[in-house]
């Protein structure tokens, strides 16, 4: 027996995230952090330390100065790639440290 106002789980979750935009942004930020090594590969992930967000800026701690300089040159492309992976534009800037 189905209720008259029954909706699928995907619709219910979609409605929940649309009503809670702050939670949606946090989930997208976590998707970016988890996807860092997946998108950039194990070589870069090996030199990556801490990753965190602060006010739309992704802070990336790197142990290689050469890699830091190389990633700074492709910053705009990286922002686009990470936002595409998240599905929501949550990365506004990247700071390499």
Protein backbone atom coordinates (compact mmCIF):
# COMPACT_ATOMS: atom_id res chain seq x y z
CA UNK A 1 0.00 0.00 0.00
CA UNK A 2 1.49 3.30 -1.10
CA UNK A 3 0.80 6.63 0.53
CA UNK A 4 -0.43 9.53 -1.58
CA UNK A 5 2.56 11.75 -0.77
CA UNK A 6 5.21 9.04 -1.21
CA UNK A 7 8.37 10.07 -3.03
CA UNK A 8 11.51 8.22 -3.99
CA UNK A 9 14.61 8.35 -1.84
CA UNK A 10 16.51 10.36 -4.45
CA UNK A 11 13.75 12.97 -4.56
CA UNK A 12 13.65 13.18 -0.76
CA UNK A 13 17.45 13.64 -0.56
CA UNK A 14 17.37 16.21 -3.35
CA UNK A 15 14.68 18.18 -1.51
CA UNK A 16 16.65 17.94 1.74
CA UNK A 17 19.86 19.30 0.19
CA UNK A 18 17.99 22.07 -1.65
CA UNK A 19 16.50 23.22 1.66
CA UNK A 20 19.89 23.03 3.45
CA UNK A 21 22.30 24.83 1.13
CA UNK A 22 25.07 25.10 3.75
CA UNK A 23 25.10 21.32 4.09
CA UNK A 24 25.15 20.96 0.31
CA UNK A 25 28.21 23.22 0.11
CA UNK A 26 30.01 21.29 2.88
CA UNK A 27 29.31 18.00 1.10
CA UNK A 28 30.66 19.43 -2.15
CA UNK A 29 33.79 20.67 -0.38
CA UNK A 30 34.39 17.18 1.01
CA UNK A 31 33.90 15.76 -2.48
CA UNK A 32 36.67 18.10 -3.71
CA UNK A 33 39.03 17.07 -0.89
CA UNK A 34 38.41 13.36 -1.49
CA UNK A 35 38.76 13.82 -5.25
CA UNK A 36 42.12 15.64 -5.06
CA UNK A 37 44.28 12.52 -5.33
CA UNK A 38 41.81 10.89 -7.73
CA UNK A 39 41.90 13.84 -10.15
CA UNK A 40 45.59 14.71 -9.89
CA UNK A 41 47.04 11.23 -9.45
CA UNK A 42 49.19 9.44 -6.92
CA UNK A 43 52.35 11.37 -7.86
CA UNK A 44 50.90 14.68 -6.71
CA UNK A 45 48.98 13.13 -3.81
CA UNK A 46 52.27 11.80 -2.44
CA UNK A 47 53.57 15.37 -2.00
CA UNK A 48 50.27 16.72 -0.66
CA UNK A 49 49.89 17.23 3.07
CA UNK A 50 46.84 18.90 4.54
CA UNK A 51 43.83 20.01 2.45
CA UNK A 52 41.13 22.26 3.88
CA UNK A 53 38.62 24.97 2.94
CA UNK A 54 38.27 28.44 4.41
CA UNK A 55 35.73 30.89 2.92
CA UNK A 56 35.71 29.29 -0.53
CA UNK A 57 39.49 29.01 -0.75
CA UNK A 58 41.11 25.58 -0.89
CA UNK A 59 44.37 25.49 1.07
CA UNK A 60 46.84 22.84 -0.09
CA UNK A 61 50.01 22.07 1.84
CA UNK A 62 52.71 20.70 -0.46
CA UNK A 63 56.13 19.30 0.44
CA UNK A 64 57.71 20.07 -2.94
CA UNK A 65 58.51 23.64 -4.01
CA UNK A 66 58.86 22.56 -7.65
CA UNK A 67 55.40 20.98 -7.63
CA UNK A 68 54.00 24.10 -5.91
CA UNK A 69 55.33 26.32 -8.70
CA UNK A 70 53.99 23.99 -11.38
CA UNK A 71 50.51 23.82 -9.84
CA UNK A 72 50.41 27.61 -9.42
CA UNK A 73 50.81 27.98 -13.18
CA UNK A 74 47.75 25.80 -13.83
CA UNK A 75 45.63 27.18 -10.96
CA UNK A 76 42.63 28.26 -13.10
CA UNK A 77 42.46 24.89 -14.85
CA UNK A 78 42.64 23.12 -11.48
CA UNK A 79 39.79 25.22 -10.07
CA UNK A 80 37.61 24.34 -13.06
CA UNK A 81 38.45 20.64 -12.82
CA UNK A 82 37.75 20.49 -9.07
CA UNK A 83 34.46 22.39 -9.40
CA UNK A 84 33.37 20.04 -12.20
CA UNK A 85 34.15 17.09 -9.94
CA UNK A 86 32.15 18.61 -7.06
CA UNK A 87 29.19 19.46 -9.27
CA UNK A 88 28.89 22.84 -7.54
CA UNK A 89 31.30 25.80 -7.84
CA UNK A 90 32.76 25.68 -4.31
CA UNK A 91 36.44 26.38 -5.10
CA UNK A 92 36.91 30.09 -5.73
CA UNK A 93 40.68 30.15 -5.21
CA UNK A 94 43.53 27.79 -4.32
CA UNK A 95 46.40 28.69 -2.00
CA UNK A 96 49.47 26.47 -2.20
CA UNK A 97 51.65 26.42 0.91
